[in-house]
Amino acid sequence: MALAGLWLLDAVLECQPSFFQPEFFGGMLMMNMTAPPAWLWNLLTAVEPVVVTHAAPANAAAVAVQFAIGLGLLWRTTVRAALALSVPWALTVWLFGEMGGGLFVGGGSALTGAPGAALLYAIVAVLLWPRRPDAGTVVADGGLLPRPAPLLVWAAVWVGTAALEGGYLDRSPTFAAQAMDNAAVAGPGWLHAAGQAVGGLVGTHGALFAAVAGTVQAAVGVGVLFPGARRAALAAGAALALFYGAVGQAFGGLFSNGVLGILGSGATDPGAAPITVVLALTLWPRVPRPAPRRDSSPPGSWAHRFRARAAPTPSPSGG
């Protein structure tokens, strides 16, 4: 249900009138293209003229696909079809719309949304694929990947983003603060104030922030592999994602025109934070159900007779 809600929100956001204009696709496909690898540049330059020329039908197709995925996830009979459609579509959005989450063009950081929200959508779809009876200790145990692969996926995401932070140790000492200030511009007043406050605290200590962030992210990733620390690691990862989503991404600019003005926000999605929370929930350990207590009192004893009287009597119709 949570995954369906996110897809439906993305579909609604895609209905903004400006998204049917050529400028939307041109700006999206060519943004932040700092020294891209040749293969990615060739793909973008091949796709960009086509979608810009046919902007309205291309965006209408995107709206239809995302509504189909979101609505399909709401009915059990169409869940598999919706999940199957969501994986290639999410990967397409991740590569062309999010530039691979910044992994291929440099500058990727969990603070700014790496490894990309759309990639996490695809990962969650695989983890939720209803392959076998959902009788495991976590929701993902009933999915496509065998145990303990879902936990390794979480570890790979967080340890991978921790490794990205190492690239910032030699960068501008104000990089993190500038990223927060830039994100704050796209947020409402309260989010703007929060981003500027945290950015002011970080200031010129970008290397220290990267080192601390990388250490925490690595701990979140590795911690999930230990049963005793699993809940703490998942909760910390969800909280950290929400923190990054607020101060580093302004939730994709979703609330730039207020809560009721999302259709004029220019946002395409709420960023990586909500889907990271959904990913954490797919791995959250269930509380085992207590086994029914057996009546060990001997037949004919007062305790046995008392429990027999207290048990519900079935109706003659079998109800």
Protein backbone atom coordinates (compact mmCIF):
# COMPACT_ATOMS: atom_id res chain seq x y z
CA MET A 1 0.00 0.00 0.00
CA ALA A 2 2.83 2.41 0.83
CA LEU A 3 4.58 1.68 -2.45
CA ALA A 4 1.30 2.18 -4.33
CA GLY A 5 0.80 5.50 -2.59
CA LEU A 6 4.22 6.74 -3.69
CA TRP A 7 3.61 5.72 -7.31
CA LEU A 8 0.21 7.44 -7.32
CA LEU A 9 1.76 10.59 -5.84
CA ASP A 10 4.39 10.55 -8.59
CA ALA A 11 1.65 10.13 -11.20
CA VAL A 12 -0.28 13.09 -9.82
CA LEU A 13 2.87 15.24 -9.80
CA GLU A 14 3.52 14.25 -13.41
CA CYS A 15 0.19 15.87 -14.35
CA GLN A 16 1.53 19.40 -13.82
CA PRO A 17 0.87 21.47 -16.97
CA SER A 18 4.50 22.57 -17.33
CA PHE A 19 5.59 18.94 -17.64
CA PHE A 20 3.83 18.66 -21.01
CA GLN A 21 6.12 21.34 -22.46
CA PRO A 22 9.38 20.64 -24.35
CA GLU A 23 11.36 22.70 -21.83
CA PHE A 24 10.63 20.19 -19.07
CA PHE A 25 12.26 17.24 -20.81
CA GLY A 26 15.11 19.31 -22.14
CA GLY A 27 15.98 20.63 -18.71
CA MET A 28 15.54 17.28 -16.96
CA LEU A 29 17.66 15.24 -19.36
CA MET A 30 20.52 17.70 -19.58
CA MET A 31 20.73 18.87 -15.98
CA ASN A 32 23.89 18.42 -13.94
CA MET A 33 25.74 16.90 -16.85
CA THR A 34 29.25 17.44 -15.48
CA ALA A 35 31.70 15.23 -17.40
CA PRO A 36 29.32 12.32 -18.02
CA PRO A 37 30.75 9.06 -19.34
CA ALA A 38 30.58 8.72 -23.10
CA TRP A 39 27.97 5.94 -23.10
CA LEU A 40 25.58 7.98 -20.96
CA TRP A 41 26.09 11.11 -23.04
CA ASN A 42 25.36 9.17 -26.22
CA LEU A 43 22.14 7.76 -24.74
CA LEU A 44 20.95 11.16 -23.57
CA THR A 45 21.70 12.91 -26.83
CA ALA A 46 19.79 10.18 -28.69
CA VAL A 47 16.72 10.30 -26.42
CA GLU A 48 16.50 14.04 -25.75
CA PRO A 49 15.42 15.22 -29.27
CA VAL A 50 12.71 12.56 -29.47
CA VAL A 51 11.01 13.33 -26.15
CA VAL A 52 11.42 17.09 -26.55
CA THR A 53 9.75 16.96 -29.97
CA HIS A 54 6.90 14.84 -28.60
CA ALA A 55 6.78 16.28 -25.09
CA ALA A 56 3.02 16.12 -24.54
CA PRO A 57 2.49 12.48 -25.58
CA ALA A 58 5.70 11.43 -23.82
CA ASN A 59 4.55 12.92 -20.54
CA ALA A 60 1.04 11.55 -21.01
CA ALA A 61 2.60 8.09 -21.38
CA ALA A 62 4.59 8.64 -18.18
CA VAL A 63 1.41 9.63 -16.33
CA ALA A 64 -0.42 6.55 -17.63
CA VAL A 65 2.39 4.16 -16.69
CA GLN A 66 2.69 5.51 -13.15
CA PHE A 67 -1.05 5.47 -12.56
CA ALA A 68 -1.16 1.90 -13.89
CA ILE A 69 1.59 0.85 -11.48
CA GLY A 70 0.04 2.59 -8.46
CA LEU A 71 -3.48 1.31 -9.10
CA GLY A 72 -2.23 -2.16 -10.01
CA LEU A 73 -0.53 -2.48 -6.63
CA LEU A 74 -3.86 -1.98 -4.86
CA TRP A 75 -5.38 -5.24 -6.11
CA ARG A 76 -3.93 -8.66 -5.35
CA THR A 77 -4.64 -10.03 -8.82
CA THR A 78 -2.62 -7.28 -10.53
CA VAL A 79 0.23 -6.92 -8.05
CA ARG A 80 2.69 -9.03 -10.03
CA ALA A 81 1.94 -7.18 -13.27
CA ALA A 82 2.32 -3.81 -11.55
CA LEU A 83 5.61 -4.78 -9.93
CA ALA A 84 6.90 -6.20 -13.22
CA LEU A 85 6.08 -2.95 -15.00
CA SER A 86 7.56 -0.82 -12.21
CA VAL A 87 11.06 -2.28 -12.38
CA PRO A 88 12.00 -1.34 -15.98
CA TRP A 89 10.14 1.95 -15.70
CA ALA A 90 11.92 2.87 -12.45
CA LEU A 91 15.30 1.97 -13.94
CA THR A 92 14.52 4.11 -16.99
CA VAL A 93 13.64 7.07 -14.78
CA TRP A 94 16.75 6.43 -12.68
CA LEU A 95 19.07 6.46 -15.69
CA PHE A 96 17.55 9.31 -17.72
CA GLY A 97 15.65 11.36 -15.15
CA GLU A 98 18.04 11.05 -12.20
CA MET A 99 21.29 10.57 -14.13
CA GLY A 100 21.89 7.31 -12.31
CA GLY A 101 21.48 8.98 -8.94
CA GLY A 102 24.74 10.83 -9.51
CA LEU A 103 26.71 7.58 -9.52
CA PHE A 104 28.01 7.99 -13.08
CA VAL A 105 28.62 11.71 -13.28
CA GLY A 106 30.36 12.34 -9.96
CA GLY A 107 29.08 14.28 -7.01
CA GLY A 108 26.82 11.52 -5.70
CA SER A 109 25.98 11.68 -2.02
CA ALA A 110 23.22 10.36 0.22
CA LEU A 111 22.70 13.96 1.29
CA THR A 112 21.64 14.89 -2.25
CA GLY A 113 19.71 11.67 -2.96
CA ALA A 114 22.19 8.98 -4.01
CA PRO A 115 21.85 6.23 -5.11
CA GLY A 116 18.62 7.64 -6.57
CA ALA A 117 15.01 7.29 -5.51
CA ALA A 118 14.00 5.47 -8.68
CA LEU A 119 16.63 2.77 -8.12
CA LEU A 120 15.17 2.19 -4.65
CA TYR A 121 11.69 1.86 -6.19
CA ALA A 122 13.02 -0.98 -8.35
CA ILE A 123 14.75 -2.63 -5.38
CA VAL A 124 11.61 -2.52 -3.25
CA ALA A 125 9.58 -4.03 -6.11
CA VAL A 126 11.95 -7.01 -6.25
CA LEU A 127 11.85 -7.44 -2.47
CA LEU A 128 8.04 -7.35 -2.42
CA TRP A 129 7.51 -9.71 -5.36
CA PRO A 130 5.00 -12.31 -4.00
CA ARG A 131 6.93 -15.47 -4.86
CA ARG A 132 6.20 -17.66 -1.87
CA PRO A 133 3.94 -17.65 1.22
CA ASP A 134 4.72 -14.67 3.43
CA ALA A 135 5.73 -16.66 6.49
CA GLY A 136 9.21 -15.31 7.14
CA THR A 137 10.47 -13.06 9.87
CA VAL A 138 10.35 -10.00 7.57
CA VAL A 139 8.10 -9.00 4.67
CA ALA A 140 10.96 -9.36 2.17
CA ASP A 141 11.31 -13.05 3.06
CA GLY A 142 8.29 -13.68 0.83
CA GLY A 143 9.84 -11.81 -2.08
CA LEU A 144 11.97 -12.71 -5.06
CA LEU A 145 15.37 -12.79 -3.36
CA PRO A 146 16.38 -15.69 -1.10
CA ARG A 147 17.49 -15.06 2.45
CA PRO A 148 19.66 -13.25 3.48
CA ALA A 149 19.91 -11.33 0.19
CA PRO A 150 17.40 -8.59 1.20
CA LEU A 151 19.56 -7.69 4.19
CA LEU A 152 22.64 -7.63 1.95
CA VAL A 153 20.82 -5.22 -0.38
CA TRP A 154 20.25 -2.80 2.50
CA ALA A 155 23.90 -3.16 3.53
CA ALA A 156 25.08 -2.54 -0.04
CA VAL A 157 22.96 0.62 -0.37
CA TRP A 158 24.24 2.18 2.84
CA VAL A 159 27.86 1.02 2.67
CA GLY A 160 27.92 2.13 -0.96
CA THR A 161 26.72 5.62 -0.10
CA ALA A 162 29.24 5.69 2.74
CA ALA A 163 31.98 5.06 0.18
CA LEU A 164 30.68 7.99 -1.87
CA GLU A 165 31.26 10.31 1.05
CA GLY A 166 34.99 9.63 0.79
CA GLY A 167 35.00 11.61 -2.43
CA TYR A 168 34.09 14.75 -0.53
CA LEU A 169 36.98 14.67 1.88
CA ASP A 170 39.17 16.45 -0.70
CA ARG A 171 36.44 18.67 -2.12
CA SER A 172 35.40 22.17 -1.21
CA PRO A 173 35.01 22.44 2.59
CA THR A 174 31.68 24.19 2.02
CA PHE A 175 30.20 21.57 -0.32
CA ALA A 176 27.76 20.08 2.20
CA ALA A 177 26.62 23.49 3.44
CA GLN A 178 26.08 24.71 -0.12
CA ALA A 179 24.05 21.60 -0.96
CA MET A 180 21.82 22.28 2.04
CA ASP A 181 21.43 25.94 1.13
CA ASN A 182 20.52 25.05 -2.46
CA ALA A 183 17.93 22.53 -1.28
CA ALA A 184 16.48 25.02 1.17
CA VAL A 185 15.63 27.39 -1.67
CA ALA A 186 13.13 24.81 -3.00
CA GLY A 187 11.41 24.34 0.35
CA PRO A 188 8.71 26.19 2.27
CA GLY A 189 9.59 28.52 5.12
CA TRP A 190 10.00 25.90 7.84
CA LEU A 191 12.07 23.63 5.61
CA HIS A 192 14.10 26.57 4.34
CA ALA A 193 14.91 27.58 7.91
CA ALA A 194 15.89 24.03 8.86
CA GLY A 195 18.18 23.64 5.86
CA GLN A 196 19.88 26.95 6.45
CA ALA A 197 20.31 26.24 10.16
CA VAL A 198 21.98 22.87 9.57
CA GLY A 199 24.02 24.28 6.69
CA GLY A 200 25.20 27.07 8.96
CA LEU A 201 26.32 24.56 11.58
CA VAL A 202 28.25 22.56 8.99
CA GLY A 203 29.76 25.70 7.47
CA THR A 204 33.30 25.06 6.27
CA HIS A 205 33.54 21.70 8.04
CA GLY A 206 32.54 19.74 4.94
CA ALA A 207 35.28 17.14 5.36
CA LEU A 208 34.27 16.47 8.95
CA PHE A 209 30.61 16.19 7.93
CA ALA A 210 31.51 13.73 5.16
CA ALA A 211 33.60 11.62 7.54
CA VAL A 212 30.87 11.50 10.19
CA ALA A 213 28.11 10.88 7.63
CA GLY A 214 30.10 8.10 5.98
CA THR A 215 30.79 6.42 9.31
CA VAL A 216 27.12 6.55 10.34
CA GLN A 217 25.96 5.26 6.95
CA ALA A 218 28.41 2.36 7.10
CA ALA A 219 27.18 1.48 10.59
CA VAL A 220 23.56 1.57 9.38
CA GLY A 221 24.45 -0.80 6.55
CA VAL A 222 26.53 -3.26 8.55
CA GLY A 223 24.30 -3.15 11.62
CA VAL A 224 21.39 -4.80 9.83
CA LEU A 225 23.45 -8.00 9.47
CA PHE A 226 23.44 -8.53 13.25
CA PRO A 227 20.06 -9.67 14.66
CA GLY A 228 20.50 -7.76 17.91
CA ALA A 229 21.16 -4.47 16.10
CA ARG A 230 18.78 -4.95 13.17
CA ARG A 231 15.89 -2.83 14.39
CA ALA A 232 18.23 -0.06 15.53
CA ALA A 233 20.02 -0.04 12.16
CA LEU A 234 16.76 0.07 10.20
CA ALA A 235 15.31 2.81 12.40
CA ALA A 236 18.53 4.82 12.16
CA GLY A 237 18.57 4.42 8.37
CA ALA A 238 14.98 5.60 8.05
CA ALA A 239 15.64 8.58 10.34
CA LEU A 240 18.84 9.49 8.50
CA ALA A 241 17.05 9.28 5.14
CA LEU A 242 14.33 11.63 6.42
CA PHE A 243 17.00 14.03 7.70
CA TYR A 244 18.78 14.03 4.35
CA GLY A 245 15.44 14.32 2.57
CA ALA A 246 14.59 17.44 4.57
CA VAL A 247 17.88 19.37 4.63
CA GLY A 248 19.61 18.01 1.52
CA GLN A 249 16.75 17.45 -0.92
CA ALA A 250 13.79 19.49 0.45
CA PHE A 251 11.76 16.36 -0.31
CA GLY A 252 12.25 16.97 -4.02
CA GLY A 253 10.80 20.48 -3.73
CA LEU A 254 7.41 18.90 -3.08
CA PHE A 255 6.24 21.60 -0.66
CA SER A 256 7.72 24.63 -2.41
CA ASN A 257 4.20 26.08 -2.84
CA GLY A 258 2.82 24.74 0.40
CA VAL A 259 1.18 21.42 1.20
CA LEU A 260 -1.87 22.21 -0.92
CA GLY A 261 0.17 23.58 -3.81
CA ILE A 262 2.06 20.47 -4.85
CA LEU A 263 0.66 20.61 -8.39
CA GLY A 264 2.53 23.86 -8.89
CA SER A 265 5.71 22.81 -7.15
CA GLY A 266 7.57 21.51 -10.18
CA ALA A 267 8.52 18.40 -8.20
CA THR A 268 8.49 15.03 -9.95
CA ASP A 269 8.68 12.94 -6.75
CA PRO A 270 9.23 13.39 -3.00
CA GLY A 271 12.88 12.32 -3.19
CA ALA A 272 14.67 9.31 -1.76
CA ALA A 273 13.51 9.62 1.85
CA PRO A 274 9.99 8.07 1.66
CA ILE A 275 11.04 5.07 -0.44
CA THR A 276 13.98 4.46 1.91
CA VAL A 277 11.51 4.28 4.79
CA VAL A 278 9.45 1.74 2.80
CA LEU A 279 12.64 -0.25 2.16
CA ALA A 280 13.32 -0.30 5.91
CA LEU A 281 9.79 -1.55 6.58
CA THR A 282 10.21 -4.47 4.19
CA LEU A 283 13.12 -5.63 6.38
CA TRP A 284 11.65 -4.81 9.79
CA PRO A 285 11.53 -7.98 11.96
CA ARG A 286 8.03 -9.09 12.84
CA VAL A 287 7.03 -9.81 16.41
CA PRO A 288 6.46 -13.59 16.47
CA ARG A 289 2.95 -14.63 17.29
CA PRO A 290 2.67 -16.53 20.58
CA ALA A 291 1.82 -20.19 20.16
CA PRO A 292 -1.63 -21.13 21.49
CA ARG A 293 -1.42 -22.37 25.05
CA ARG A 294 -2.38 -25.99 25.43
CA ASP A 295 -4.73 -27.08 28.17
CA SER A 296 -2.61 -29.33 30.37
CA SER A 297 -5.24 -29.85 33.08
CA PRO A 298 -6.52 -33.44 33.33
CA PRO A 299 -10.01 -34.19 31.98
CA GLY A 300 -12.67 -33.96 34.66
CA SER A 301 -10.76 -31.49 36.82
CA TRP A 302 -12.35 -28.18 37.81
CA ALA A 303 -9.86 -26.24 35.62
CA HIS A 304 -10.71 -28.34 32.56
CA ARG A 305 -14.44 -27.91 33.15
CA PHE A 306 -14.01 -24.11 33.63
CA ARG A 307 -12.11 -23.71 30.35
CA ALA A 308 -14.66 -25.82 28.51
CA ARG A 309 -17.51 -23.59 29.76
CA ALA A 310 -15.55 -20.42 28.84
CA ALA A 311 -14.82 -21.58 25.27
CA PRO A 312 -17.21 -20.17 22.61
CA THR A 313 -19.93 -22.55 21.52
CA PRO A 314 -20.33 -22.93 17.73
CA SER A 315 -23.74 -22.07 16.36
CA PRO A 316 -25.88 -24.86 14.83
CA SER A 317 -25.28 -23.35 11.39
CA GLY A 318 -21.53 -23.72 11.82
CA GLY A 319 -20.89 -19.95 12.12
